[in-house]
Amino acid sequence: MKKIILFSIVAMCFNFTFSQSEKEMGNDAARITLAAYIPQQIDKMPEAARSILANKLSQIVTQNGMGGSTNNERFIITANVNVITKDLTPTAPPMTALGLEVTLYIGDGIDGTKFSSASISVKGVGENETKAYISALKGISPTNATVQNFVENGKLKIIEYYSSKCDFIIKEAQTLSSQSNYEEAIYKLTSVPSVCKACYDKCMDAVAPIYKKQIDRECKVKLAEATNYWSANQSVEVANQVGDILSTIDPSSSCFGEVKALSNKIAARVKELDSREWKYTLKSQAQESERIKAYRDIGVAYGNNQPKSIVKYNIRGWW
């Protein structure tokens, strides 16, 4: 009886651990993102149909946990459409019936490497060719088994990409850091999905000293700004403005001792002026999980601040 109970407990623990791991892997995979890209070389496709196809590609990546920014993504999902059949229906009035072969592709849109492809057939009927195109493309299902297998194969190839390119990514980030482009360097390193564990761990090790340089520079800038404000006008109102600045400085930065000294000086002066404690407190040392979030926040902010541009991807030879 004891053995049965012990076995049940072990099984429950295993199932819980597996579920947690599966959940974590799902979260990791969600960090692999794809940009939907509709190339100009899809011959004779009506503009309205192109818009429908773009929406369908976006639905596919979102449905399969790969939705992301369409701005400057390296990895893309794209498609080519061929008309297989075109008929007029024997109805009054006659309608246009199209049979389309839609071939989907996932790949590296920068160096032009195709990772995964799959073809599906769809049919549509409409009052004219444009409406028939739209009707057919609306039949693309993001949950189609062929589509889901195609996306999973693409994910695996992207993981392989990071495994093979990891040392290059780190070297490129270190070069950017040597040029004082700390935010861009952090962006490159934090863009590696954590599902690519070996490369992700290397990048987290590499990002730490770059982050230190970035917060050291930021500390000096913010401290100088705060000092200038306080030197110009030592009022409670200005003290609060300076507090807003000082409370954003990372305590791991090299000039944090000076930050604390200024904060203590302001607190003493506020008590003289207003007979009460100053309400501002400095940041405390972050835990490891908070530190990783700080890395990512810098990377995300850098990516979001990049100019919006129409990227012409390299898909030569994909079809």
C-alpha atoms as a PDB file:
ATOM      1  CA  MET A   1       0.000   0.000   0.000  1.00  0.00           C
ATOM      2  CA  LYS A   2       2.823   2.382   0.916  1.00  0.00           C
ATOM      3  CA  LYS A   3       4.488   1.671  -2.426  1.00  0.00           C
ATOM      4  CA  ILE A   4       1.283   2.535  -4.268  1.00  0.00           C
ATOM      5  CA  ILE A   5       0.938   5.833  -2.374  1.00  0.00           C
ATOM      6  CA  LEU A   6       4.607   6.685  -2.980  1.00  0.00           C
ATOM      7  CA  PHE A   7       4.257   5.918  -6.700  1.00  0.00           C
ATOM      8  CA  SER A   8       1.165   8.165  -6.896  1.00  0.00           C
ATOM      9  CA  ILE A   9       3.013  11.066  -5.264  1.00  0.00           C
ATOM     10  CA  VAL A  10       5.990  10.693  -7.618  1.00  0.00           C
ATOM     11  CA  ALA A  11       3.633  10.553 -10.627  1.00  0.00           C
ATOM     12  CA  MET A  12       1.834  13.703  -9.467  1.00  0.00           C
ATOM     13  CA  CYS A  13       5.146  15.539  -9.027  1.00  0.00           C
ATOM     14  CA  PHE A  14       6.300  14.413 -12.468  1.00  0.00           C
ATOM     15  CA  ASN A  15       3.084  15.567 -14.107  1.00  0.00           C
ATOM     16  CA  PHE A  16       3.290  18.939 -12.356  1.00  0.00           C
ATOM     17  CA  THR A  17       6.938  19.399 -13.390  1.00  0.00           C
ATOM     18  CA  PHE A  18       6.178  18.369 -16.953  1.00  0.00           C
ATOM     19  CA  SER A  19       3.236  20.780 -17.117  1.00  0.00           C
ATOM     20  CA  GLN A  20       5.387  23.608 -15.778  1.00  0.00           C
ATOM     21  CA  SER A  21       8.155  22.822 -18.278  1.00  0.00           C
ATOM     22  CA  GLU A  22       5.643  22.631 -21.102  1.00  0.00           C
ATOM     23  CA  LYS A  23       4.229  26.007 -20.063  1.00  0.00           C
ATOM     24  CA  GLU A  24       7.703  27.549 -19.908  1.00  0.00           C
ATOM     25  CA  MET A  25       8.565  26.132 -23.335  1.00  0.00           C
ATOM     26  CA  GLY A  26       5.339  27.597 -24.697  1.00  0.00           C
ATOM     27  CA  ASN A  27       6.282  30.996 -23.324  1.00  0.00           C
ATOM     28  CA  ASP A  28       9.767  30.660 -24.788  1.00  0.00           C
ATOM     29  CA  ALA A  29       8.481  29.696 -28.221  1.00  0.00           C
ATOM     30  CA  ALA A  30       6.248  32.747 -28.196  1.00  0.00           C
ATOM     31  CA  ARG A  31       9.407  34.863 -28.240  1.00  0.00           C
ATOM     32  CA  ILE A  32      10.259  33.524 -31.717  1.00  0.00           C
ATOM     33  CA  THR A  33       8.500  36.055 -33.921  1.00  0.00           C
ATOM     34  CA  LEU A  34       7.771  36.331 -37.623  1.00  0.00           C
ATOM     35  CA  ALA A  35       6.908  39.302 -39.807  1.00  0.00           C
ATOM     36  CA  ALA A  36       4.209  38.805 -42.450  1.00  0.00           C
ATOM     37  CA  TYR A  37       5.587  39.880 -45.829  1.00  0.00           C
ATOM     38  CA  ILE A  38       3.732  40.058 -49.157  1.00  0.00           C
ATOM     39  CA  PRO A  39       6.181  40.405 -52.058  1.00  0.00           C
ATOM     40  CA  GLN A  40       5.409  42.407 -55.164  1.00  0.00           C
ATOM     41  CA  GLN A  41       6.248  39.481 -57.443  1.00  0.00           C
ATOM     42  CA  ILE A  42       2.937  37.687 -56.905  1.00  0.00           C
ATOM     43  CA  ASP A  43       1.748  38.147 -60.448  1.00  0.00           C
ATOM     44  CA  LYS A  44      -1.600  39.765 -61.221  1.00  0.00           C
ATOM     45  CA  MET A  45      -2.972  39.504 -57.720  1.00  0.00           C
ATOM     46  CA  PRO A  46      -5.536  42.267 -57.065  1.00  0.00           C
ATOM     47  CA  GLU A  47      -4.537  44.749 -54.387  1.00  0.00           C
ATOM     48  CA  ALA A  48      -7.590  43.944 -52.254  1.00  0.00           C
ATOM     49  CA  ALA A  49      -6.586  40.257 -52.312  1.00  0.00           C
ATOM     50  CA  ARG A  50      -3.042  41.138 -51.228  1.00  0.00           C
ATOM     51  CA  SER A  51      -4.482  42.773 -48.134  1.00  0.00           C
ATOM     52  CA  ILE A  52      -6.504  39.642 -47.318  1.00  0.00           C
ATOM     53  CA  LEU A  53      -3.418  37.455 -47.775  1.00  0.00           C
ATOM     54  CA  ALA A  54      -1.392  39.719 -45.458  1.00  0.00           C
ATOM     55  CA  ASN A  55      -4.095  39.399 -42.792  1.00  0.00           C
ATOM     56  CA  LYS A  56      -4.111  35.617 -43.183  1.00  0.00           C
ATOM     57  CA  LEU A  57      -0.342  35.411 -42.717  1.00  0.00           C
ATOM     58  CA  SER A  58      -0.630  37.564 -39.605  1.00  0.00           C
ATOM     59  CA  GLN A  59      -3.374  35.285 -38.283  1.00  0.00           C
ATOM     60  CA  ILE A  60      -1.186  32.217 -38.878  1.00  0.00           C
ATOM     61  CA  VAL A  61       1.759  33.577 -36.882  1.00  0.00           C
ATOM     62  CA  THR A  62      -0.496  34.874 -34.095  1.00  0.00           C
ATOM     63  CA  GLN A  63      -2.491  31.640 -33.882  1.00  0.00           C
ATOM     64  CA  ASN A  64       0.733  29.650 -33.638  1.00  0.00           C
ATOM     65  CA  GLY A  65       2.353  31.866 -31.003  1.00  0.00           C
ATOM     66  CA  MET A  66       4.822  33.667 -33.288  1.00  0.00           C
ATOM     67  CA  GLY A  67       3.215  37.076 -33.594  1.00  0.00           C
ATOM     68  CA  GLY A  68       5.576  40.036 -33.380  1.00  0.00           C
ATOM     69  CA  SER A  69       6.503  43.413 -34.768  1.00  0.00           C
ATOM     70  CA  THR A  70       6.410  43.869 -38.525  1.00  0.00           C
ATOM     71  CA  ASN A  71       9.259  46.362 -38.241  1.00  0.00           C
ATOM     72  CA  ASN A  72      12.780  45.131 -39.066  1.00  0.00           C
ATOM     73  CA  GLU A  73      12.131  41.467 -38.211  1.00  0.00           C
ATOM     74  CA  ARG A  74      14.758  39.064 -39.491  1.00  0.00           C
ATOM     75  CA  PHE A  75      12.475  36.062 -39.860  1.00  0.00           C
ATOM     76  CA  ILE A  76       9.451  36.247 -42.134  1.00  0.00           C
ATOM     77  CA  ILE A  77       6.428  34.341 -43.316  1.00  0.00           C
ATOM     78  CA  THR A  78       5.496  34.956 -46.928  1.00  0.00           C
ATOM     79  CA  ALA A  79       3.498  33.318 -49.698  1.00  0.00           C
ATOM     80  CA  ASN A  80       3.198  32.802 -53.421  1.00  0.00           C
ATOM     81  CA  VAL A  81      -0.170  32.288 -55.115  1.00  0.00           C
ATOM     82  CA  ASN A  82      -0.764  30.493 -58.403  1.00  0.00           C
ATOM     83  CA  VAL A  83      -4.086  30.301 -60.237  1.00  0.00           C
ATOM     84  CA  ILE A  84      -4.717  26.614 -60.997  1.00  0.00           C
ATOM     85  CA  THR A  85      -8.231  26.891 -62.402  1.00  0.00           C
ATOM     86  CA  LYS A  86     -10.371  29.784 -63.594  1.00  0.00           C
ATOM     87  CA  ASP A  87     -13.947  29.260 -64.748  1.00  0.00           C
ATOM     88  CA  LEU A  88     -17.224  31.036 -65.218  1.00  0.00           C
ATOM     89  CA  THR A  89     -20.147  29.390 -63.457  1.00  0.00           C
ATOM     90  CA  PRO A  90     -23.263  28.468 -65.496  1.00  0.00           C
ATOM     91  CA  THR A  91     -25.403  30.809 -63.432  1.00  0.00           C
ATOM     92  CA  ALA A  92     -27.287  34.002 -64.134  1.00  0.00           C
ATOM     93  CA  PRO A  93     -25.381  36.192 -63.819  1.00  0.00           C
ATOM     94  CA  PRO A  94     -22.218  34.133 -64.342  1.00  0.00           C
ATOM     95  CA  MET A  95     -19.700  34.132 -61.478  1.00  0.00           C
ATOM     96  CA  THR A  96     -15.930  33.751 -61.523  1.00  0.00           C
ATOM     97  CA  ALA A  97     -14.620  30.591 -59.855  1.00  0.00           C
ATOM     98  CA  LEU A  98     -10.927  30.334 -58.984  1.00  0.00           C
ATOM     99  CA  GLY A  99      -8.835  27.456 -57.736  1.00  0.00           C
ATOM    100  CA  LEU A 100      -5.619  28.712 -56.093  1.00  0.00           C
ATOM    101  CA  GLU A 101      -2.464  27.005 -54.915  1.00  0.00           C
ATOM    102  CA  VAL A 102      -1.056  28.994 -51.994  1.00  0.00           C
ATOM    103  CA  THR A 103       2.514  28.118 -51.043  1.00  0.00           C
ATOM    104  CA  LEU A 104       3.656  29.400 -47.648  1.00  0.00           C
ATOM    105  CA  TYR A 105       7.280  30.032 -46.716  1.00  0.00           C
ATOM    106  CA  ILE A 106       9.186  30.771 -43.509  1.00  0.00           C
ATOM    107  CA  GLY A 107      12.777  31.910 -43.710  1.00  0.00           C
ATOM    108  CA  ASP A 108      15.528  34.387 -42.977  1.00  0.00           C
ATOM    109  CA  GLY A 109      14.527  37.462 -44.933  1.00  0.00           C
ATOM    110  CA  ILE A 110      17.936  39.086 -44.496  1.00  0.00           C
ATOM    111  CA  ASP A 111      20.303  36.451 -45.876  1.00  0.00           C
ATOM    112  CA  GLY A 112      17.604  34.792 -48.014  1.00  0.00           C
ATOM    113  CA  THR A 113      17.609  31.307 -46.449  1.00  0.00           C
ATOM    114  CA  LYS A 114      14.328  29.396 -46.781  1.00  0.00           C
ATOM    115  CA  PHE A 115      13.507  27.314 -43.687  1.00  0.00           C
ATOM    116  CA  SER A 116      10.088  25.770 -44.298  1.00  0.00           C
ATOM    117  CA  SER A 117       7.393  25.616 -46.972  1.00  0.00           C
ATOM    118  CA  ALA A 118       3.946  24.104 -47.487  1.00  0.00           C
ATOM    119  CA  SER A 119       1.264  24.254 -50.164  1.00  0.00           C
ATOM    120  CA  ILE A 120      -2.494  24.327 -49.699  1.00  0.00           C
ATOM    121  CA  SER A 121      -5.325  24.536 -52.226  1.00  0.00           C
ATOM    122  CA  VAL A 122      -8.274  26.895 -51.813  1.00  0.00           C
ATOM    123  CA  LYS A 123     -11.271  27.761 -53.970  1.00  0.00           C
ATOM    124  CA  GLY A 124     -13.432  30.833 -54.191  1.00  0.00           C
ATOM    125  CA  VAL A 125     -16.352  32.235 -56.158  1.00  0.00           C
ATOM    126  CA  GLY A 126     -17.242  35.865 -56.710  1.00  0.00           C
ATOM    127  CA  GLU A 127     -18.941  38.371 -58.968  1.00  0.00           C
ATOM    128  CA  ASN A 128     -15.544  39.190 -60.460  1.00  0.00           C
ATOM    129  CA  GLU A 129     -11.957  37.948 -60.275  1.00  0.00           C
ATOM    130  CA  THR A 130     -11.029  40.160 -57.321  1.00  0.00           C
ATOM    131  CA  LYS A 131     -13.947  38.905 -55.235  1.00  0.00           C
ATOM    132  CA  ALA A 132     -13.178  35.322 -56.238  1.00  0.00           C
ATOM    133  CA  TYR A 133      -9.564  35.818 -55.064  1.00  0.00           C
ATOM    134  CA  ILE A 134     -10.776  37.234 -51.759  1.00  0.00           C
ATOM    135  CA  SER A 135     -13.265  34.399 -51.296  1.00  0.00           C
ATOM    136  CA  ALA A 136     -10.555  31.800 -51.917  1.00  0.00           C
ATOM    137  CA  LEU A 137      -7.936  33.387 -49.636  1.00  0.00           C
ATOM    138  CA  LYS A 138     -10.443  33.656 -46.805  1.00  0.00           C
ATOM    139  CA  GLY A 139     -10.502  29.853 -46.908  1.00  0.00           C
ATOM    140  CA  ILE A 140      -6.928  29.638 -45.549  1.00  0.00           C
ATOM    141  CA  SER A 141      -7.217  28.301 -42.013  1.00  0.00           C
ATOM    142  CA  PRO A 142      -4.469  29.086 -39.459  1.00  0.00           C
ATOM    143  CA  THR A 143      -5.408  25.869 -37.626  1.00  0.00           C
ATOM    144  CA  ASN A 144      -5.049  23.668 -40.716  1.00  0.00           C
ATOM    145  CA  ALA A 145      -2.788  20.704 -39.837  1.00  0.00           C
ATOM    146  CA  THR A 146      -0.545  21.341 -42.861  1.00  0.00           C
ATOM    147  CA  VAL A 147      -0.144  24.980 -41.831  1.00  0.00           C
ATOM    148  CA  GLN A 148       0.634  24.112 -38.208  1.00  0.00           C
ATOM    149  CA  ASN A 149       3.256  21.516 -39.202  1.00  0.00           C
ATOM    150  CA  PHE A 150       4.792  24.072 -41.552  1.00  0.00           C
ATOM    151  CA  VAL A 151       5.051  26.621 -38.703  1.00  0.00           C
ATOM    152  CA  GLU A 152       6.537  24.060 -36.290  1.00  0.00           C
ATOM    153  CA  ASN A 153       9.214  23.159 -38.857  1.00  0.00           C
ATOM    154  CA  GLY A 154       9.973  26.859 -39.239  1.00  0.00           C
ATOM    155  CA  LYS A 155      10.372  27.230 -35.452  1.00  0.00           C
ATOM    156  CA  LEU A 156      12.866  24.368 -35.335  1.00  0.00           C
ATOM    157  CA  LYS A 157      14.924  25.902 -38.141  1.00  0.00           C
ATOM    158  CA  ILE A 158      14.991  29.278 -36.369  1.00  0.00           C
ATOM    159  CA  ILE A 159      16.273  27.567 -33.216  1.00  0.00           C
ATOM    160  CA  GLU A 160      18.982  25.912 -35.346  1.00  0.00           C
ATOM    161  CA  TYR A 161      19.844  29.355 -36.757  1.00  0.00           C
ATOM    162  CA  TYR A 162      20.530  30.778 -33.299  1.00  0.00           C
ATOM    163  CA  SER A 163      22.557  27.714 -32.337  1.00  0.00           C
ATOM    164  CA  SER A 164      24.810  28.073 -35.389  1.00  0.00           C
ATOM    165  CA  LYS A 165      25.081  31.894 -35.341  1.00  0.00           C
ATOM    166  CA  CYS A 166      25.400  32.452 -31.592  1.00  0.00           C
ATOM    167  CA  ASP A 167      29.093  33.373 -31.474  1.00  0.00           C
ATOM    168  CA  PHE A 168      28.615  35.811 -34.356  1.00  0.00           C
ATOM    169  CA  ILE A 169      25.654  37.485 -32.600  1.00  0.00           C
ATOM    170  CA  ILE A 170      27.721  37.956 -29.427  1.00  0.00           C
ATOM    171  CA  LYS A 171      30.724  39.295 -31.341  1.00  0.00           C
ATOM    172  CA  GLU A 172      28.514  41.748 -33.230  1.00  0.00           C
ATOM    173  CA  ALA A 173      27.005  42.968 -29.939  1.00  0.00           C
ATOM    174  CA  GLN A 174      30.461  43.405 -28.400  1.00  0.00           C
ATOM    175  CA  THR A 175      31.533  45.458 -31.412  1.00  0.00           C
ATOM    176  CA  LEU A 176      28.496  47.706 -30.970  1.00  0.00           C
ATOM    177  CA  SER A 177      29.327  48.032 -27.268  1.00  0.00           C
ATOM    178  CA  SER A 178      32.904  49.104 -28.099  1.00  0.00           C
ATOM    179  CA  GLN A 179      31.329  51.884 -30.188  1.00  0.00           C
ATOM    180  CA  SER A 180      29.157  52.906 -27.179  1.00  0.00           C
ATOM    181  CA  ASN A 181      26.003  51.643 -28.933  1.00  0.00           C
ATOM    182  CA  TYR A 182      24.940  49.874 -25.745  1.00  0.00           C
ATOM    183  CA  GLU A 183      21.178  49.828 -26.357  1.00  0.00           C
ATOM    184  CA  GLU A 184      21.557  48.279 -29.801  1.00  0.00           C
ATOM    185  CA  ALA A 185      24.006  45.708 -28.442  1.00  0.00           C
ATOM    186  CA  ILE A 186      21.562  44.794 -25.658  1.00  0.00           C
ATOM    187  CA  TYR A 187      18.745  44.613 -28.227  1.00  0.00           C
ATOM    188  CA  LYS A 188      20.676  42.063 -30.304  1.00  0.00           C
ATOM    189  CA  LEU A 189      21.523  39.888 -27.321  1.00  0.00           C
ATOM    190  CA  THR A 190      18.050  39.971 -25.769  1.00  0.00           C
ATOM    191  CA  SER A 191      16.438  39.150 -29.129  1.00  0.00           C
ATOM    192  CA  VAL A 192      17.668  35.558 -28.803  1.00  0.00           C
ATOM    193  CA  PRO A 193      14.673  33.467 -27.638  1.00  0.00           C
ATOM    194  CA  SER A 194      15.145  31.613 -24.363  1.00  0.00           C
ATOM    195  CA  VAL A 195      13.946  28.411 -26.052  1.00  0.00           C
ATOM    196  CA  CYS A 196      17.404  28.448 -27.709  1.00  0.00           C
ATOM    197  CA  LYS A 197      18.844  27.674 -24.279  1.00  0.00           C
ATOM    198  CA  ALA A 198      22.578  27.317 -24.979  1.00  0.00           C
ATOM    199  CA  CYS A 199      22.744  30.516 -27.038  1.00  0.00           C
ATOM    200  CA  TYR A 200      20.359  32.344 -24.704  1.00  0.00           C
ATOM    201  CA  ASP A 201      22.549  31.561 -21.681  1.00  0.00           C
ATOM    202  CA  LYS A 202      25.666  32.762 -23.510  1.00  0.00           C
ATOM    203  CA  CYS A 203      23.912  35.980 -24.504  1.00  0.00           C
ATOM    204  CA  MET A 204      22.721  36.634 -20.947  1.00  0.00           C
ATOM    205  CA  ASP A 205      26.345  36.278 -19.792  1.00  0.00           C
ATOM    206  CA  ALA A 206      27.493  38.614 -22.571  1.00  0.00           C
ATOM    207  CA  VAL A 207      24.810  41.248 -21.956  1.00  0.00           C
ATOM    208  CA  ALA A 208      25.674  41.783 -18.263  1.00  0.00           C
ATOM    209  CA  PRO A 209      28.905  43.809 -18.765  1.00  0.00           C
ATOM    210  CA  ILE A 210      27.282  45.789 -21.601  1.00  0.00           C
ATOM    211  CA  TYR A 211      24.313  46.588 -19.381  1.00  0.00           C
ATOM    212  CA  LYS A 212      26.763  47.759 -16.698  1.00  0.00           C
ATOM    213  CA  LYS A 213      28.341  50.208 -19.147  1.00  0.00           C
ATOM    214  CA  GLN A 214      24.916  51.430 -20.199  1.00  0.00           C
ATOM    215  CA  ILE A 215      23.687  52.091 -16.641  1.00  0.00           C
ATOM    216  CA  ASP A 216      27.013  53.733 -15.713  1.00  0.00           C
ATOM    217  CA  ARG A 217      26.596  56.180 -18.588  1.00  0.00           C
ATOM    218  CA  GLU A 218      22.932  56.732 -17.750  1.00  0.00           C
ATOM    219  CA  CYS A 219      23.810  57.347 -14.091  1.00  0.00           C
ATOM    220  CA  LYS A 220      26.294  60.095 -14.958  1.00  0.00           C
ATOM    221  CA  VAL A 221      23.803  61.816 -17.278  1.00  0.00           C
ATOM    222  CA  LYS A 222      20.918  61.667 -14.803  1.00  0.00           C
ATOM    223  CA  LEU A 223      23.082  62.667 -11.842  1.00  0.00           C
ATOM    224  CA  ALA A 224      24.378  65.714 -13.709  1.00  0.00           C
ATOM    225  CA  GLU A 225      20.816  66.687 -14.672  1.00  0.00           C
ATOM    226  CA  ALA A 226      19.574  66.270 -11.094  1.00  0.00           C
ATOM    227  CA  THR A 227      22.524  68.189  -9.645  1.00  0.00           C
ATOM    228  CA  ASN A 228      21.971  71.109 -12.037  1.00  0.00           C
ATOM    229  CA  TYR A 229      18.271  71.303 -11.165  1.00  0.00           C
ATOM    230  CA  TRP A 230      18.991  71.267  -7.427  1.00  0.00           C
ATOM    231  CA  SER A 231      21.830  73.776  -7.642  1.00  0.00           C
ATOM    232  CA  ALA A 232      19.584  76.214  -9.518  1.00  0.00           C
ATOM    233  CA  ASN A 233      16.635  76.102  -7.087  1.00  0.00           C
ATOM    234  CA  GLN A 234      16.522  74.287  -3.736  1.00  0.00           C
ATOM    235  CA  SER A 235      12.744  74.270  -3.248  1.00  0.00           C
ATOM    236  CA  VAL A 236      10.421  71.406  -2.322  1.00  0.00           C
ATOM    237  CA  GLU A 237       8.935  71.451  -5.813  1.00  0.00           C
ATOM    238  CA  VAL A 238      12.352  71.117  -7.437  1.00  0.00           C
ATOM    239  CA  ALA A 239      13.319  68.491  -4.868  1.00  0.00           C
ATOM    240  CA  ASN A 240      10.391  66.391  -6.080  1.00  0.00           C
ATOM    241  CA  GLN A 241      11.431  66.842  -9.715  1.00  0.00           C
ATOM    242  CA  VAL A 242      14.957  65.777  -8.823  1.00  0.00           C
ATOM    243  CA  GLY A 243      13.531  62.825  -6.891  1.00  0.00           C
ATOM    244  CA  ASP A 244      11.770  61.626 -10.027  1.00  0.00           C
ATOM    245  CA  ILE A 245      15.148  61.524 -11.767  1.00  0.00           C
ATOM    246  CA  LEU A 246      17.163  59.933  -8.970  1.00  0.00           C
ATOM    247  CA  SER A 247      14.567  57.220  -8.324  1.00  0.00           C
ATOM    248  CA  THR A 248      15.143  55.809 -11.847  1.00  0.00           C
ATOM    249  CA  ILE A 249      18.902  55.271 -11.443  1.00  0.00           C
ATOM    250  CA  ASP A 250      20.087  51.685 -11.157  1.00  0.00           C
ATOM    251  CA  PRO A 251      21.821  51.034  -7.800  1.00  0.00           C
ATOM    252  CA  SER A 252      24.429  48.861  -9.568  1.00  0.00           C
ATOM    253  CA  SER A 253      25.772  51.867 -11.467  1.00  0.00           C
ATOM    254  CA  SER A 254      29.229  53.178 -10.590  1.00  0.00           C
ATOM    255  CA  CYS A 255      28.110  56.651  -9.499  1.00  0.00           C
ATOM    256  CA  PHE A 256      25.335  55.457  -7.200  1.00  0.00           C
ATOM    257  CA  GLY A 257      27.308  56.546  -4.150  1.00  0.00           C
ATOM    258  CA  GLU A 258      27.072  60.136  -5.399  1.00  0.00           C
ATOM    259  CA  VAL A 259      23.378  59.621  -6.074  1.00  0.00           C
ATOM    260  CA  LYS A 260      22.817  58.572  -2.461  1.00  0.00           C
ATOM    261  CA  ALA A 261      24.830  61.544  -1.210  1.00  0.00           C
ATOM    262  CA  LEU A 262      22.714  63.980  -3.243  1.00  0.00           C
ATOM    263  CA  SER A 263      19.503  62.244  -2.155  1.00  0.00           C
ATOM    264  CA  ASN A 264      20.482  62.542   1.524  1.00  0.00           C
ATOM    265  CA  LYS A 265      21.358  66.221   1.061  1.00  0.00           C
ATOM    266  CA  ILE A 266      17.986  66.920  -0.580  1.00  0.00           C
ATOM    267  CA  ALA A 267      16.102  64.991   2.114  1.00  0.00           C
ATOM    268  CA  ALA A 268      17.773  67.046   4.847  1.00  0.00           C
ATOM    269  CA  ARG A 269      16.955  70.302   3.052  1.00  0.00           C
ATOM    270  CA  VAL A 270      13.323  69.296   2.468  1.00  0.00           C
ATOM    271  CA  LYS A 271      12.970  68.596   6.189  1.00  0.00           C
ATOM    272  CA  GLU A 272      14.330  72.083   6.943  1.00  0.00           C
ATOM    273  CA  LEU A 273      11.929  73.700   4.469  1.00  0.00           C
ATOM    274  CA  ASP A 274       8.798  71.652   5.083  1.00  0.00           C
ATOM    275  CA  SER A 275       9.320  69.931   8.467  1.00  0.00           C
ATOM    276  CA  ARG A 276       8.570  66.501   7.013  1.00  0.00           C
ATOM    277  CA  GLU A 277      10.303  63.508   5.490  1.00  0.00           C
ATOM    278  CA  TRP A 278      11.031  63.575   1.787  1.00  0.00           C
ATOM    279  CA  LYS A 279       8.833  61.006   0.052  1.00  0.00           C
ATOM    280  CA  TYR A 280      11.365  59.794  -2.522  1.00  0.00           C
ATOM    281  CA  THR A 281      13.367  56.590  -2.178  1.00  0.00           C
ATOM    282  CA  LEU A 282      16.096  55.229  -4.386  1.00  0.00           C
ATOM    283  CA  LYS A 283      15.952  51.918  -6.196  1.00  0.00           C
ATOM    284  CA  SER A 284      17.077  48.837  -4.316  1.00  0.00           C
ATOM    285  CA  GLN A 285      19.337  46.128  -5.699  1.00  0.00           C
ATOM    286  CA  ALA A 286      17.475  44.030  -8.265  1.00  0.00           C
ATOM    287  CA  GLN A 287      17.058  40.268  -8.138  1.00  0.00           C
ATOM    288  CA  GLU A 288      18.343  38.189 -11.058  1.00  0.00           C
ATOM    289  CA  SER A 289      14.886  37.887 -12.631  1.00  0.00           C
ATOM    290  CA  GLU A 290      14.433  41.664 -12.359  1.00  0.00           C
ATOM    291  CA  ARG A 291      17.839  42.199 -13.922  1.00  0.00           C
ATOM    292  CA  ILE A 292      16.926  40.062 -16.941  1.00  0.00           C
ATOM    293  CA  LYS A 293      13.694  42.020 -17.278  1.00  0.00           C
ATOM    294  CA  ALA A 294      15.728  45.236 -17.223  1.00  0.00           C
ATOM    295  CA  TYR A 295      17.891  43.902 -20.069  1.00  0.00           C
ATOM    296  CA  ARG A 296      14.799  43.068 -22.079  1.00  0.00           C
ATOM    297  CA  ASP A 297      13.135  46.423 -21.347  1.00  0.00           C
ATOM    298  CA  ILE A 298      16.134  48.220 -22.840  1.00  0.00           C
ATOM    299  CA  GLY A 299      16.090  45.933 -25.877  1.00  0.00           C
ATOM    300  CA  VAL A 300      12.349  46.378 -26.420  1.00  0.00           C
ATOM    301  CA  ALA A 301      12.601  50.161 -26.028  1.00  0.00           C
ATOM    302  CA  TYR A 302      15.424  50.269 -28.564  1.00  0.00           C
ATOM    303  CA  GLY A 303      13.472  48.155 -31.073  1.00  0.00           C
ATOM    304  CA  ASN A 304      10.288  50.216 -30.647  1.00  0.00           C
ATOM    305  CA  ASN A 305      12.187  53.453 -31.208  1.00  0.00           C
ATOM    306  CA  GLN A 306      13.599  52.385 -34.557  1.00  0.00           C
ATOM    307  CA  PRO A 307      12.152  54.253 -37.545  1.00  0.00           C
ATOM    308  CA  LYS A 308       9.293  52.505 -39.267  1.00  0.00           C
ATOM    309  CA  SER A 309      10.454  51.404 -42.682  1.00  0.00           C
ATOM    310  CA  ILE A 310       9.320  49.174 -45.502  1.00  0.00           C
ATOM    311  CA  VAL A 311      11.853  46.383 -45.654  1.00  0.00           C
ATOM    312  CA  LYS A 312      12.595  44.705 -48.952  1.00  0.00           C
ATOM    313  CA  TYR A 313      13.382  41.150 -47.951  1.00  0.00           C
ATOM    314  CA  ASN A 314      15.602  38.738 -49.816  1.00  0.00           C
ATOM    315  CA  ILE A 315      13.432  35.801 -50.975  1.00  0.00           C
ATOM    316  CA  ARG A 316      15.276  35.088 -54.204  1.00  0.00           C
ATOM    317  CA  GLY A 317      14.944  31.435 -55.208  1.00  0.00           C
ATOM    318  CA  TRP A 318      12.196  30.589 -52.727  1.00  0.00           C
ATOM    319  CA  TRP A 319       9.837  29.801 -55.622  1.00  0.00           C
END
